[in-house]
């Protein structure tokens, strides 16, 4: 049950959404470009699927564990997503090789940025002291090697090894993102 202030805030939010929809043109004055449609589709993915899908898998695994407690449940990938936006080759004249290349890059960038944010959040939580953890010598050797390769040394390596590992993963994702967003293929579309 909501407090009166919370109820009023919820109603205000609903009113605002209705007003935005009511005052929005039902038909656009300009036809959106294919890349605009790609970006809009990715916004839906970011706002909903990135949060809902992990929750769904967790809920299904818990439900299966409750019903069948004798087994340990780890669901396989039962949901798969795809998008034709920016890659449909059904005669759309604006879907070119360059547009498809940019579409792939946008998809890759979106998921890499999402993973990066998730690892940053995880790193904030993993403040475990290296003095209190029993990490394997192999893990610490790999951590030191990675720190050298990535140029991410420092005092955190020994004090907060798990947080440091997250820093390494973040750096690798940033390097991958730079490649994804870097130079594009040199082909051109036929005129």
Protein backbone atom coordinates (compact mmCIF):
# COMPACT_ATOMS: atom_id res chain seq x y z
CA UNK A 1 0.00 0.00 0.00
CA UNK A 2 1.21 3.44 -0.89
CA UNK A 3 1.30 6.50 1.29
CA UNK A 4 -0.89 9.39 0.10
CA UNK A 5 2.19 11.26 -1.20
CA UNK A 6 3.35 8.19 -3.11
CA UNK A 7 -0.11 7.69 -4.60
CA UNK A 8 -0.19 11.32 -5.74
CA UNK A 9 3.32 11.04 -7.21
CA UNK A 10 2.29 7.90 -9.12
CA UNK A 11 -0.83 9.61 -10.43
CA UNK A 12 1.20 12.65 -11.50
CA UNK A 13 3.59 10.38 -13.38
CA UNK A 14 0.70 8.65 -15.14
CA UNK A 15 -0.84 12.03 -16.05
CA UNK A 16 2.49 13.21 -17.47
CA UNK A 17 2.84 10.10 -19.61
CA UNK A 18 -0.74 10.45 -20.90
CA UNK A 19 -0.16 14.12 -21.69
CA UNK A 20 3.02 13.36 -23.62
CA UNK A 21 1.21 10.69 -25.64
CA UNK A 22 -1.82 12.94 -26.17
CA UNK A 23 0.29 15.86 -27.43
CA UNK A 24 2.56 13.75 -29.65
CA UNK A 25 1.86 13.66 -33.37
CA UNK A 26 0.56 10.29 -34.46
CA UNK A 27 2.41 10.56 -37.77
CA UNK A 28 5.91 11.96 -38.08
CA UNK A 29 6.52 14.93 -40.36
CA UNK A 30 9.74 13.32 -41.58
CA UNK A 31 10.35 9.68 -42.16
CA UNK A 32 12.96 8.45 -39.66
CA UNK A 33 16.26 7.23 -41.02
CA UNK A 34 17.08 3.56 -40.63
CA UNK A 35 19.79 4.33 -38.05
CA UNK A 36 17.23 6.33 -36.03
CA UNK A 37 15.01 3.24 -35.97
CA UNK A 38 17.98 1.13 -34.87
CA UNK A 39 18.71 3.53 -31.99
CA UNK A 40 15.04 3.53 -30.93
CA UNK A 41 14.98 -0.27 -30.95
CA UNK A 42 18.14 -0.40 -28.86
CA UNK A 43 16.60 2.01 -26.34
CA UNK A 44 13.79 -0.49 -25.81
CA UNK A 45 16.35 -3.24 -25.30
CA UNK A 46 18.31 -1.15 -22.80
CA UNK A 47 15.26 0.01 -20.86
CA UNK A 48 13.50 -3.31 -20.62
CA UNK A 49 15.24 -6.47 -21.77
CA UNK A 50 18.55 -5.86 -19.98
CA UNK A 51 16.67 -5.79 -16.67
CA UNK A 52 13.77 -8.14 -17.27
CA UNK A 53 15.52 -11.10 -18.87
CA UNK A 54 17.94 -11.79 -15.97
CA UNK A 55 15.03 -11.47 -13.53
CA UNK A 56 13.00 -13.93 -15.59
CA UNK A 57 15.84 -16.48 -15.63
CA UNK A 58 16.34 -16.10 -11.87
CA UNK A 59 12.61 -16.53 -11.23
CA UNK A 60 12.41 -19.61 -13.46
CA UNK A 61 15.45 -21.22 -11.79
CA UNK A 62 14.04 -20.55 -8.31
CA UNK A 63 10.65 -21.92 -9.33
CA UNK A 64 12.21 -25.06 -10.76
CA UNK A 65 14.30 -25.50 -7.61
CA UNK A 66 11.17 -25.18 -5.46
CA UNK A 67 9.24 -27.71 -7.55
CA UNK A 68 12.18 -30.06 -8.15
CA UNK A 69 14.51 -29.55 -5.17
CA UNK A 70 16.60 -32.63 -5.97
CA UNK A 71 18.20 -30.93 -8.97
CA UNK A 72 20.46 -27.93 -9.30
CA UNK A 73 19.00 -25.72 -12.00
CA UNK A 74 20.97 -23.64 -14.44
CA UNK A 75 18.78 -22.79 -17.40
CA UNK A 76 20.19 -22.86 -20.90
CA UNK A 77 19.52 -19.91 -23.19
CA UNK A 78 15.79 -20.28 -23.75
CA UNK A 79 15.29 -16.76 -25.07
CA UNK A 80 17.07 -15.46 -28.13
CA UNK A 81 16.63 -12.01 -29.57
CA UNK A 82 17.31 -10.55 -32.94
CA UNK A 83 16.40 -7.51 -34.95
CA UNK A 84 15.89 -6.95 -38.62
CA UNK A 85 16.13 -3.15 -38.23
CA UNK A 86 19.10 -1.92 -40.22
CA UNK A 87 19.83 -5.31 -41.74
CA UNK A 88 16.72 -6.28 -43.67
CA UNK A 89 17.55 -7.03 -47.26
CA UNK A 90 13.97 -7.12 -48.54
CA UNK A 91 14.37 -4.27 -50.97
CA UNK A 92 14.35 -1.32 -48.56
CA UNK A 93 16.43 1.20 -50.53
CA UNK A 94 17.86 2.88 -47.42
CA UNK A 95 19.29 -0.32 -45.95
CA UNK A 96 22.74 -0.33 -47.42
CA UNK A 97 25.96 -2.12 -46.54
CA UNK A 98 27.16 1.00 -44.72
CA UNK A 99 23.91 1.21 -42.71
CA UNK A 100 24.13 -2.48 -41.80
CA UNK A 101 27.75 -2.03 -40.71
CA UNK A 102 26.75 0.92 -38.51
CA UNK A 103 23.83 -1.11 -37.14
CA UNK A 104 26.12 -3.94 -36.09
CA UNK A 105 28.47 -1.44 -34.46
CA UNK A 106 25.57 0.15 -32.53
CA UNK A 107 24.42 -3.26 -31.30
CA UNK A 108 27.93 -4.19 -30.21
CA UNK A 109 28.50 -0.84 -28.52
CA UNK A 110 25.22 -1.06 -26.64
CA UNK A 111 25.93 -4.45 -25.10
CA UNK A 112 29.57 -3.62 -24.33
CA UNK A 113 28.55 -0.42 -22.53
CA UNK A 114 25.94 -2.42 -20.61
CA UNK A 115 28.50 -5.04 -19.58
CA UNK A 116 30.93 -2.29 -18.59
CA UNK A 117 28.34 -0.67 -16.33
CA UNK A 118 27.51 -4.03 -14.74
CA UNK A 119 31.19 -4.73 -14.00
CA UNK A 120 31.68 -1.21 -12.58
CA UNK A 121 28.75 -1.85 -10.22
CA UNK A 122 30.17 -5.24 -9.27
CA UNK A 123 33.56 -3.66 -8.58
CA UNK A 124 31.94 -1.20 -6.18
CA UNK A 125 30.63 -4.13 -4.17
CA UNK A 126 33.78 -6.27 -4.19
CA UNK A 127 35.87 -4.39 -1.65
CA UNK A 128 37.14 -7.60 -0.04
CA UNK A 129 40.57 -7.29 1.49
CA UNK A 130 43.33 -9.36 -0.04
CA UNK A 131 44.51 -10.11 3.50
CA UNK A 132 41.20 -11.77 4.35
CA UNK A 133 40.71 -13.76 1.16
CA UNK A 134 42.32 -17.08 0.33
CA UNK A 135 42.90 -16.50 -3.38
CA UNK A 136 44.92 -19.01 -5.35
CA UNK A 137 48.50 -18.13 -6.26
CA UNK A 138 47.54 -18.67 -9.92
CA UNK A 139 44.78 -16.03 -9.65
CA UNK A 140 47.19 -13.51 -8.11
CA UNK A 141 49.88 -14.26 -10.71
CA UNK A 142 47.37 -13.75 -13.52
CA UNK A 143 46.08 -10.58 -11.85
CA UNK A 144 49.60 -9.12 -11.65
CA UNK A 145 50.32 -10.11 -15.27
CA UNK A 146 47.06 -8.52 -16.46
CA UNK A 147 47.79 -5.36 -14.49
CA UNK A 148 51.13 -5.04 -16.26
CA UNK A 149 49.69 -5.66 -19.71
CA UNK A 150 46.80 -3.24 -19.16
CA UNK A 151 48.87 -0.64 -17.32
CA UNK A 152 46.64 -0.89 -14.26
CA UNK A 153 49.02 -1.52 -11.39
CA UNK A 154 48.77 0.18 -8.04
CA UNK A 155 48.17 -0.54 -4.41
CA UNK A 156 44.71 -1.94 -5.00
CA UNK A 157 46.20 -5.06 -6.56
CA UNK A 158 47.14 -6.59 -3.20
CA UNK A 159 44.63 -4.74 -1.01
CA UNK A 160 41.48 -5.30 -3.13
CA UNK A 161 42.24 -8.00 -5.69
CA UNK A 162 38.63 -8.65 -6.71
CA UNK A 163 37.98 -4.96 -7.27
CA UNK A 164 41.21 -4.81 -9.26
CA UNK A 165 40.04 -7.75 -11.39
CA UNK A 166 36.87 -5.80 -12.16
CA UNK A 167 39.04 -2.85 -13.20
CA UNK A 168 40.83 -5.16 -15.62
CA UNK A 169 37.56 -6.39 -17.10
CA UNK A 170 36.33 -2.79 -17.44
CA UNK A 171 39.54 -1.82 -19.23
CA UNK A 172 39.25 -4.76 -21.62
CA UNK A 173 35.65 -3.78 -22.40
CA UNK A 174 36.76 -0.18 -23.04
CA UNK A 175 39.46 -1.39 -25.42
CA UNK A 176 36.92 -3.60 -27.20
CA UNK A 177 34.50 -0.68 -27.45
CA UNK A 178 37.24 1.46 -29.01
CA UNK A 179 37.75 -1.22 -31.67
CA UNK A 180 34.01 -1.54 -32.32
CA UNK A 181 33.62 2.22 -32.64
CA UNK A 182 36.89 2.65 -34.54
CA UNK A 183 37.50 2.80 -38.28
CA UNK A 184 34.73 1.37 -40.39
CA UNK A 185 35.04 -0.83 -43.49
CA UNK A 186 36.12 1.11 -46.56
CA UNK A 187 33.47 -0.20 -48.93
CA UNK A 188 30.86 2.03 -50.44
CA UNK A 189 27.34 1.28 -51.48
CA UNK A 190 26.57 1.02 -55.18
CA UNK A 191 24.79 4.07 -56.52
